[in-house]
Amino acid sequence: MSNLATSPHLLRREYKFTTPNTVWLADITYADNDEGWPYLPTVKGVATPEIIGWSIEDHLRTDLCSDSLRMALDRRNPVA
């Protein structure tokens, strides 16, 4: 058994949001190609089908994910 704390599931598995910028999701994917393994973190709004922030690099340092979040913040003005 783990001693790690758990966080509450605030969305309660209800992903039917219609107001933009209410909930954002993030994910990281990677794919092998001729130049190595590029990593692609993305940020997506639940209410819209588009990717609103992304970045691509050959590393998994924190600035890679921070860059995609910054792009999303620059492109959207999230609800406070």
PDB file of N, CA and C in Angstrom:
ATOM      1  N   MET A   1       0.843  -1.179   0.000  1.00  0.00           N
ATOM      2  CA  MET A   1       0.000   0.000   0.000  1.00  0.00           C
ATOM      3  C   MET A   1       0.888   1.242   0.000  1.00  0.00           C
ATOM      4  N   SER A   2       0.508   2.234  -0.753  1.00  0.00           N
ATOM      5  CA  SER A   2       1.292   3.453  -0.900  1.00  0.00           C
ATOM      6  C   SER A   2       0.966   4.463   0.190  1.00  0.00           C
ATOM      7  N   ASN A   3       1.984   5.212   0.597  1.00  0.00           N
ATOM      8  CA  ASN A   3       1.787   6.293   1.562  1.00  0.00           C
ATOM      9  C   ASN A   3       1.562   7.632   0.874  1.00  0.00           C
ATOM     10  N   LEU A   4       1.442   7.622  -0.440  1.00  0.00           N
ATOM     11  CA  LEU A   4       1.250   8.858  -1.180  1.00  0.00           C
ATOM     12  C   LEU A   4      -0.169   9.388  -0.992  1.00  0.00           C
ATOM     13  N   ALA A   5      -0.279  10.690  -0.873  1.00  0.00           N
ATOM     14  CA  ALA A   5      -1.596  11.311  -0.732  1.00  0.00           C
ATOM     15  C   ALA A   5      -2.319  11.278  -2.077  1.00  0.00           C
ATOM     16  N   THR A   6      -3.612  11.169  -2.040  1.00  0.00           N
ATOM     17  CA  THR A   6      -4.407  11.216  -3.264  1.00  0.00           C
ATOM     18  C   THR A   6      -5.205  12.509  -3.301  1.00  0.00           C
ATOM     19  N   SER A   7      -5.476  12.954  -4.492  1.00  0.00           N
ATOM     20  CA  SER A   7      -6.264  14.171  -4.680  1.00  0.00           C
ATOM     21  C   SER A   7      -7.688  13.795  -5.050  1.00  0.00           C
ATOM     22  N   PRO A   8      -8.647  14.627  -4.697  1.00  0.00           N
ATOM     23  CA  PRO A   8     -10.036  14.321  -5.065  1.00  0.00           C
ATOM     24  C   PRO A   8     -10.234  14.438  -6.576  1.00  0.00           C
ATOM     25  N   HIS A   9     -11.132  13.658  -7.113  1.00  0.00           N
ATOM     26  CA  HIS A   9     -11.454  13.709  -8.543  1.00  0.00           C
ATOM     27  C   HIS A   9     -12.497  14.810  -8.733  1.00  0.00           C
ATOM     28  N   LEU A  10     -12.037  16.022  -8.997  1.00  0.00           N
ATOM     29  CA  LEU A  10     -12.914  17.188  -9.049  1.00  0.00           C
ATOM     30  C   LEU A  10     -13.901  17.158 -10.210  1.00  0.00           C
ATOM     31  N   LEU A  11     -13.567  16.468 -11.273  1.00  0.00           N
ATOM     32  CA  LEU A  11     -14.474  16.415 -12.419  1.00  0.00           C
ATOM     33  C   LEU A  11     -15.552  15.353 -12.265  1.00  0.00           C
ATOM     34  N   ARG A  12     -15.364  14.452 -11.339  1.00  0.00           N
ATOM     35  CA  ARG A  12     -16.313  13.361 -11.073  1.00  0.00           C
ATOM     36  C   ARG A  12     -16.688  12.595 -12.349  1.00  0.00           C
ATOM     37  N   ARG A  13     -15.712  12.499 -13.248  1.00  0.00           N
ATOM     38  CA  ARG A  13     -15.882  11.781 -14.514  1.00  0.00           C
ATOM     39  C   ARG A  13     -17.012  12.347 -15.377  1.00  0.00           C
ATOM     40  N   GLU A  14     -17.360  13.593 -15.178  1.00  0.00           N
ATOM     41  CA  GLU A  14     -18.368  14.266 -15.996  1.00  0.00           C
ATOM     42  C   GLU A  14     -17.638  15.239 -16.916  1.00  0.00           C
ATOM     43  N   TYR A  15     -17.473  14.846 -18.162  1.00  0.00           N
ATOM     44  CA  TYR A  15     -16.687  15.633 -19.099  1.00  0.00           C
ATOM     45  C   TYR A  15     -17.569  16.371 -20.109  1.00  0.00           C
ATOM     46  N   LYS A  16     -18.763  16.721 -19.732  1.00  0.00           N
ATOM     47  CA  LYS A  16     -19.685  17.398 -20.649  1.00  0.00           C
ATOM     48  C   LYS A  16     -19.712  18.892 -20.355  1.00  0.00           C
ATOM     49  N   PHE A  17     -18.583  19.542 -20.544  1.00  0.00           N
ATOM     50  CA  PHE A  17     -18.483  20.975 -20.310  1.00  0.00           C
ATOM     51  C   PHE A  17     -18.696  21.696 -21.632  1.00  0.00           C
ATOM     52  N   THR A  18     -19.486  22.759 -21.624  1.00  0.00           N
ATOM     53  CA  THR A  18     -19.767  23.498 -22.850  1.00  0.00           C
ATOM     54  C   THR A  18     -19.181  24.906 -22.831  1.00  0.00           C
ATOM     55  N   THR A  19     -18.764  25.385 -21.682  1.00  0.00           N
ATOM     56  CA  THR A  19     -18.169  26.714 -21.577  1.00  0.00           C
ATOM     57  C   THR A  19     -16.664  26.612 -21.808  1.00  0.00           C
ATOM     58  N   PRO A  20     -16.155  27.321 -22.827  1.00  0.00           N
ATOM     59  CA  PRO A  20     -14.713  27.259 -23.093  1.00  0.00           C
ATOM     60  C   PRO A  20     -13.890  27.718 -21.890  1.00  0.00           C
ATOM     61  N   ASN A  21     -12.715  27.127 -21.753  1.00  0.00           N
ATOM     62  CA  ASN A  21     -11.730  27.485 -20.725  1.00  0.00           C
ATOM     63  C   ASN A  21     -12.169  27.171 -19.298  1.00  0.00           C
ATOM     64  N   THR A  22     -13.158  26.321 -19.141  1.00  0.00           N
ATOM     65  CA  THR A  22     -13.555  25.885 -17.801  1.00  0.00           C
ATOM     66  C   THR A  22     -12.638  24.773 -17.324  1.00  0.00           C
ATOM     67  N   VAL A  23     -12.349  23.820 -18.219  1.00  0.00           N
ATOM     68  CA  VAL A  23     -11.485  22.678 -17.893  1.00  0.00           C
ATOM     69  C   VAL A  23     -10.533  22.446 -19.064  1.00  0.00           C
ATOM     70  N   TRP A  24      -9.271  22.311 -18.730  1.00  0.00           N
ATOM     71  CA  TRP A  24      -8.257  21.970 -19.724  1.00  0.00           C
ATOM     72  C   TRP A  24      -7.681  20.604 -19.386  1.00  0.00           C
ATOM     73  N   LEU A  25      -7.299  19.860 -20.407  1.00  0.00           N
ATOM     74  CA  LEU A  25      -6.623  18.574 -20.240  1.00  0.00           C
ATOM     75  C   LEU A  25      -5.231  18.677 -20.848  1.00  0.00           C
ATOM     76  N   ALA A  26      -4.304  17.889 -20.338  1.00  0.00           N
ATOM     77  CA  ALA A  26      -2.943  17.885 -20.874  1.00  0.00           C
ATOM     78  C   ALA A  26      -2.475  16.447 -21.051  1.00  0.00           C
ATOM     79  N   ASP A  27      -1.594  16.262 -22.017  1.00  0.00           N
ATOM     80  CA  ASP A  27      -1.040  14.939 -22.275  1.00  0.00           C
ATOM     81  C   ASP A  27       0.326  15.111 -22.941  1.00  0.00           C
ATOM     82  N   ILE A  28       1.140  14.088 -22.857  1.00  0.00           N
ATOM     83  CA  ILE A  28       2.438  14.080 -23.537  1.00  0.00           C
ATOM     84  C   ILE A  28       2.506  12.812 -24.381  1.00  0.00           C
ATOM     85  N   THR A  29       2.929  12.975 -25.614  1.00  0.00           N
ATOM     86  CA  THR A  29       3.121  11.819 -26.478  1.00  0.00           C
ATOM     87  C   THR A  29       4.506  11.905 -27.118  1.00  0.00           C
ATOM     88  N   TYR A  30       4.969  10.817 -27.681  1.00  0.00           N
ATOM     89  CA  TYR A  30       6.263  10.795 -28.351  1.00  0.00           C
ATOM     90  C   TYR A  30       6.212   9.748 -29.455  1.00  0.00           C
ATOM     91  N   ALA A  31       7.075   9.914 -30.432  1.00  0.00           N
ATOM     92  CA  ALA A  31       7.112   8.967 -31.544  1.00  0.00           C
ATOM     93  C   ALA A  31       8.533   8.891 -32.086  1.00  0.00           C
ATOM     94  N   ASP A  32       8.944   7.710 -32.411  1.00  0.00           N
ATOM     95  CA  ASP A  32      10.271   7.505 -32.988  1.00  0.00           C
ATOM     96  C   ASP A  32      10.274   8.004 -34.435  1.00  0.00           C
ATOM     97  N   ASN A  33      11.336   8.719 -34.800  1.00  0.00           N
ATOM     98  CA  ASN A  33      11.513   9.119 -36.196  1.00  0.00           C
ATOM     99  C   ASN A  33      13.005   9.099 -36.517  1.00  0.00           C
ATOM    100  N   ASP A  34      13.377   9.556 -37.688  1.00  0.00           N
ATOM    101  CA  ASP A  34      14.783   9.507 -38.119  1.00  0.00           C
ATOM    102  C   ASP A  34      15.706  10.362 -37.263  1.00  0.00           C
ATOM    103  N   GLU A  35      15.159  11.339 -36.548  1.00  0.00           N
ATOM    104  CA  GLU A  35      15.977  12.246 -35.739  1.00  0.00           C
ATOM    105  C   GLU A  35      15.922  11.937 -34.245  1.00  0.00           C
ATOM    106  N   GLY A  36      15.306  10.844 -33.859  1.00  0.00           N
ATOM    107  CA  GLY A  36      15.238  10.488 -32.439  1.00  0.00           C
ATOM    108  C   GLY A  36      13.805  10.349 -31.949  1.00  0.00           C
ATOM    109  N   TRP A  37      13.601  10.757 -30.697  1.00  0.00           N
ATOM    110  CA  TRP A  37      12.293  10.644 -30.060  1.00  0.00           C
ATOM    111  C   TRP A  37      11.778  12.038 -29.683  1.00  0.00           C
ATOM    112  N   PRO A  38      11.030  12.710 -30.551  1.00  0.00           N
ATOM    113  CA  PRO A  38      10.485  14.009 -30.164  1.00  0.00           C
ATOM    114  C   PRO A  38       9.312  13.836 -29.192  1.00  0.00           C
ATOM    115  N   TYR A  39       9.258  14.712 -28.214  1.00  0.00           N
ATOM    116  CA  TYR A  39       8.186  14.704 -27.221  1.00  0.00           C
ATOM    117  C   TYR A  39       7.241  15.858 -27.515  1.00  0.00           C
ATOM    118  N   LEU A  40       5.941  15.601 -27.426  1.00  0.00           N
ATOM    119  CA  LEU A  40       4.924  16.584 -27.772  1.00  0.00           C
ATOM    120  C   LEU A  40       3.884  16.695 -26.653  1.00  0.00           C
ATOM    121  N   PRO A  41       4.061  17.646 -25.723  1.00  0.00           N
ATOM    122  CA  PRO A  41       3.012  17.884 -24.735  1.00  0.00           C
ATOM    123  C   PRO A  41       1.948  18.805 -25.339  1.00  0.00           C
ATOM    124  N   THR A  42       0.696  18.512 -25.070  1.00  0.00           N
ATOM    125  CA  THR A  42      -0.401  19.318 -25.595  1.00  0.00           C
ATOM    126  C   THR A  42      -1.354  19.711 -24.475  1.00  0.00           C
ATOM    127  N   VAL A  43      -2.059  20.814 -24.700  1.00  0.00           N
ATOM    128  CA  VAL A  43      -3.111  21.279 -23.793  1.00  0.00           C
ATOM    129  C   VAL A  43      -4.363  21.445 -24.643  1.00  0.00           C
ATOM    130  N   LYS A  44      -5.475  20.883 -24.178  1.00  0.00           N
ATOM    131  CA  LYS A  44      -6.736  20.917 -24.913  1.00  0.00           C
ATOM    132  C   LYS A  44      -7.843  21.363 -23.979  1.00  0.00           C
ATOM    133  N   GLY A  45      -8.723  22.215 -24.483  1.00  0.00           N
ATOM    134  CA  GLY A  45      -9.915  22.573 -23.724  1.00  0.00           C
ATOM    135  C   GLY A  45     -10.955  21.482 -23.883  1.00  0.00           C
ATOM    136  N   VAL A  46     -11.645  21.122 -22.817  1.00  0.00           N
ATOM    137  CA  VAL A  46     -12.645  20.057 -22.892  1.00  0.00           C
ATOM    138  C   VAL A  46     -13.827  20.475 -23.769  1.00  0.00           C
ATOM    139  N   ALA A  47     -14.208  21.750 -23.748  1.00  0.00           N
ATOM    140  CA  ALA A  47     -15.382  22.213 -24.482  1.00  0.00           C
ATOM    141  C   ALA A  47     -15.110  22.457 -25.966  1.00  0.00           C
ATOM    142  N   THR A  48     -13.861  22.403 -26.386  1.00  0.00           N
ATOM    143  CA  THR A  48     -13.522  22.658 -27.786  1.00  0.00           C
ATOM    144  C   THR A  48     -12.687  21.506 -28.330  1.00  0.00           C
ATOM    145  N   PRO A  49     -12.761  21.243 -29.617  1.00  0.00           N
ATOM    146  CA  PRO A  49     -12.018  20.113 -30.175  1.00  0.00           C
ATOM    147  C   PRO A  49     -10.557  20.420 -30.497  1.00  0.00           C
ATOM    148  N   GLU A  50     -10.131  21.680 -30.345  1.00  0.00           N
ATOM    149  CA  GLU A  50      -8.790  22.036 -30.791  1.00  0.00           C
ATOM    150  C   GLU A  50      -7.734  21.962 -29.691  1.00  0.00           C
ATOM    151  N   ILE A  51      -6.506  21.733 -30.110  1.00  0.00           N
ATOM    152  CA  ILE A  51      -5.348  21.816 -29.222  1.00  0.00           C
ATOM    153  C   ILE A  51      -5.022  23.299 -29.085  1.00  0.00           C
ATOM    154  N   ILE A  52      -4.949  23.803 -27.854  1.00  0.00           N
ATOM    155  CA  ILE A  52      -4.720  25.238 -27.665  1.00  0.00           C
ATOM    156  C   ILE A  52      -3.291  25.561 -27.238  1.00  0.00           C
ATOM    157  N   GLY A  53      -2.526  24.559 -26.875  1.00  0.00           N
ATOM    158  CA  GLY A  53      -1.126  24.774 -26.537  1.00  0.00           C
ATOM    159  C   GLY A  53      -0.320  23.524 -26.834  1.00  0.00           C
ATOM    160  N   TRP A  54       0.895  23.714 -27.329  1.00  0.00           N
ATOM    161  CA  TRP A  54       1.755  22.572 -27.627  1.00  0.00           C
ATOM    162  C   TRP A  54       3.198  23.043 -27.728  1.00  0.00           C
ATOM    163  N   SER A  55       4.094  22.096 -27.635  1.00  0.00           N
ATOM    164  CA  SER A  55       5.519  22.342 -27.805  1.00  0.00           C
ATOM    165  C   SER A  55       6.140  21.016 -28.222  1.00  0.00           C
ATOM    166  N   ILE A  56       7.239  21.067 -28.930  1.00  0.00           N
ATOM    167  CA  ILE A  56       7.888  19.822 -29.341  1.00  0.00           C
ATOM    168  C   ILE A  56       9.397  19.979 -29.186  1.00  0.00           C
ATOM    169  N   GLU A  57      10.011  19.008 -28.520  1.00  0.00           N
ATOM    170  CA  GLU A  57      11.461  19.013 -28.278  1.00  0.00           C
ATOM    171  C   GLU A  57      11.942  17.573 -28.170  1.00  0.00           C
ATOM    172  N   ASP A  58      13.257  17.412 -28.055  1.00  0.00           N
ATOM    173  CA  ASP A  58      13.851  16.079 -27.929  1.00  0.00           C
ATOM    174  C   ASP A  58      14.172  15.737 -26.479  1.00  0.00           C
ATOM    175  N   HIS A  59      13.523  16.402 -25.529  1.00  0.00           N
ATOM    176  CA  HIS A  59      13.772  16.155 -24.102  1.00  0.00           C
ATOM    177  C   HIS A  59      12.456  16.239 -23.329  1.00  0.00           C
ATOM    178  N   LEU A  60      12.485  15.788 -22.092  1.00  0.00           N
ATOM    179  CA  LEU A  60      11.303  15.836 -21.222  1.00  0.00           C
ATOM    180  C   LEU A  60      11.528  16.736 -20.012  1.00  0.00           C
ATOM    181  N   ARG A  61      12.295  17.791 -20.166  1.00  0.00           N
ATOM    182  CA  ARG A  61      12.497  18.720 -19.054  1.00  0.00           C
ATOM    183  C   ARG A  61      11.218  19.519 -18.808  1.00  0.00           C
ATOM    184  N   THR A  62      11.115  20.096 -17.618  1.00  0.00           N
ATOM    185  CA  THR A  62       9.880  20.790 -17.243  1.00  0.00           C
ATOM    186  C   THR A  62       9.543  21.956 -18.160  1.00  0.00           C
ATOM    187  N   ASP A  63      10.552  22.616 -18.729  1.00  0.00           N
ATOM    188  CA  ASP A  63      10.248  23.754 -19.600  1.00  0.00           C
ATOM    189  C   ASP A  63       9.486  23.333 -20.854  1.00  0.00           C
ATOM    190  N   LEU A  64       9.599  22.086 -21.261  1.00  0.00           N
ATOM    191  CA  LEU A  64       8.838  21.608 -22.412  1.00  0.00           C
ATOM    192  C   LEU A  64       7.342  21.707 -22.125  1.00  0.00           C
ATOM    193  N   CYS A  65       6.911  21.208 -20.978  1.00  0.00           N
ATOM    194  CA  CYS A  65       5.496  21.272 -20.602  1.00  0.00           C
ATOM    195  C   CYS A  65       5.078  22.700 -20.267  1.00  0.00           C
ATOM    196  N   SER A  66       5.961  23.445 -19.624  1.00  0.00           N
ATOM    197  CA  SER A  66       5.660  24.845 -19.303  1.00  0.00           C
ATOM    198  C   SER A  66       5.416  25.653 -20.570  1.00  0.00           C
ATOM    199  N   ASP A  67       6.188  25.385 -21.610  1.00  0.00           N
ATOM    200  CA  ASP A  67       6.012  26.104 -22.872  1.00  0.00           C
ATOM    201  C   ASP A  67       4.632  25.850 -23.469  1.00  0.00           C
ATOM    202  N   SER A  68       4.153  24.601 -23.420  1.00  0.00           N
ATOM    203  CA  SER A  68       2.821  24.328 -23.968  1.00  0.00           C
ATOM    204  C   SER A  68       1.729  24.989 -23.147  1.00  0.00           C
ATOM    205  N   LEU A  69       1.910  25.023 -21.829  1.00  0.00           N
ATOM    206  CA  LEU A  69       0.928  25.703 -20.983  1.00  0.00           C
ATOM    207  C   LEU A  69       0.951  27.206 -21.236  1.00  0.00           C
ATOM    208  N   ARG A  70       2.145  27.777 -21.393  1.00  0.00           N
ATOM    209  CA  ARG A  70       2.237  29.218 -21.702  1.00  0.00           C
ATOM    210  C   ARG A  70       1.544  29.548 -23.020  1.00  0.00           C
ATOM    211  N   MET A  71       1.730  28.692 -24.016  1.00  0.00           N
ATOM    212  CA  MET A  71       1.067  28.921 -25.298  1.00  0.00           C
ATOM    213  C   MET A  71      -0.449  28.918 -25.116  1.00  0.00           C
ATOM    214  N   ALA A  72      -0.963  27.950 -24.362  1.00  0.00           N
ATOM    215  CA  ALA A  72      -2.410  27.887 -24.120  1.00  0.00           C
ATOM    216  C   ALA A  72      -2.891  29.135 -23.386  1.00  0.00           C
ATOM    217  N   LEU A  73      -2.143  29.571 -22.387  1.00  0.00           N
ATOM    218  CA  LEU A  73      -2.523  30.774 -21.643  1.00  0.00           C
ATOM    219  C   LEU A  73      -2.489  32.011 -22.534  1.00  0.00           C
ATOM    220  N   ASP A  74      -1.516  32.089 -23.425  1.00  0.00           N
ATOM    221  CA  ASP A  74      -1.435  33.221 -24.345  1.00  0.00           C
ATOM    222  C   ASP A  74      -2.584  33.217 -25.352  1.00  0.00           C
ATOM    223  N   ARG A  75      -3.017  32.032 -25.758  1.00  0.00           N
ATOM    224  CA  ARG A  75      -4.070  31.923 -26.768  1.00  0.00           C
ATOM    225  C   ARG A  75      -5.465  32.028 -26.183  1.00  0.00           C
ATOM    226  N   ARG A  76      -5.601  31.754 -24.912  1.00  0.00           N
ATOM    227  CA  ARG A  76      -6.908  31.796 -24.239  1.00  0.00           C
ATOM    228  C   ARG A  76      -6.803  32.655 -23.000  1.00  0.00           C
ATOM    229  N   ASN A  77      -7.924  33.154 -22.565  1.00  0.00           N
ATOM    230  CA  ASN A  77      -7.978  33.896 -21.314  1.00  0.00           C
ATOM    231  C   ASN A  77      -8.865  33.088 -20.376  1.00  0.00           C
ATOM    232  N   PRO A  78      -8.297  32.145 -19.629  1.00  0.00           N
ATOM    233  CA  PRO A  78      -9.116  31.229 -18.834  1.00  0.00           C
ATOM    234  C   PRO A  78      -9.929  31.949 -17.765  1.00  0.00           C
ATOM    235  N   VAL A  79     -11.056  31.348 -17.452  1.00  0.00           N
ATOM    236  CA  VAL A  79     -11.924  31.860 -16.395  1.00  0.00           C
ATOM    237  C   VAL A  79     -11.180  31.758 -15.079  1.00  0.00           C
ATOM    238  N   ALA A  80     -11.233  32.811 -14.283  1.00  0.00           N
ATOM    239  CA  ALA A  80     -10.514  32.817 -12.993  1.00  0.00           C
ATOM    240  C   ALA A  80     -11.202  31.935 -11.988  1.00  0.00           C
TER     241      ALA A  80
END
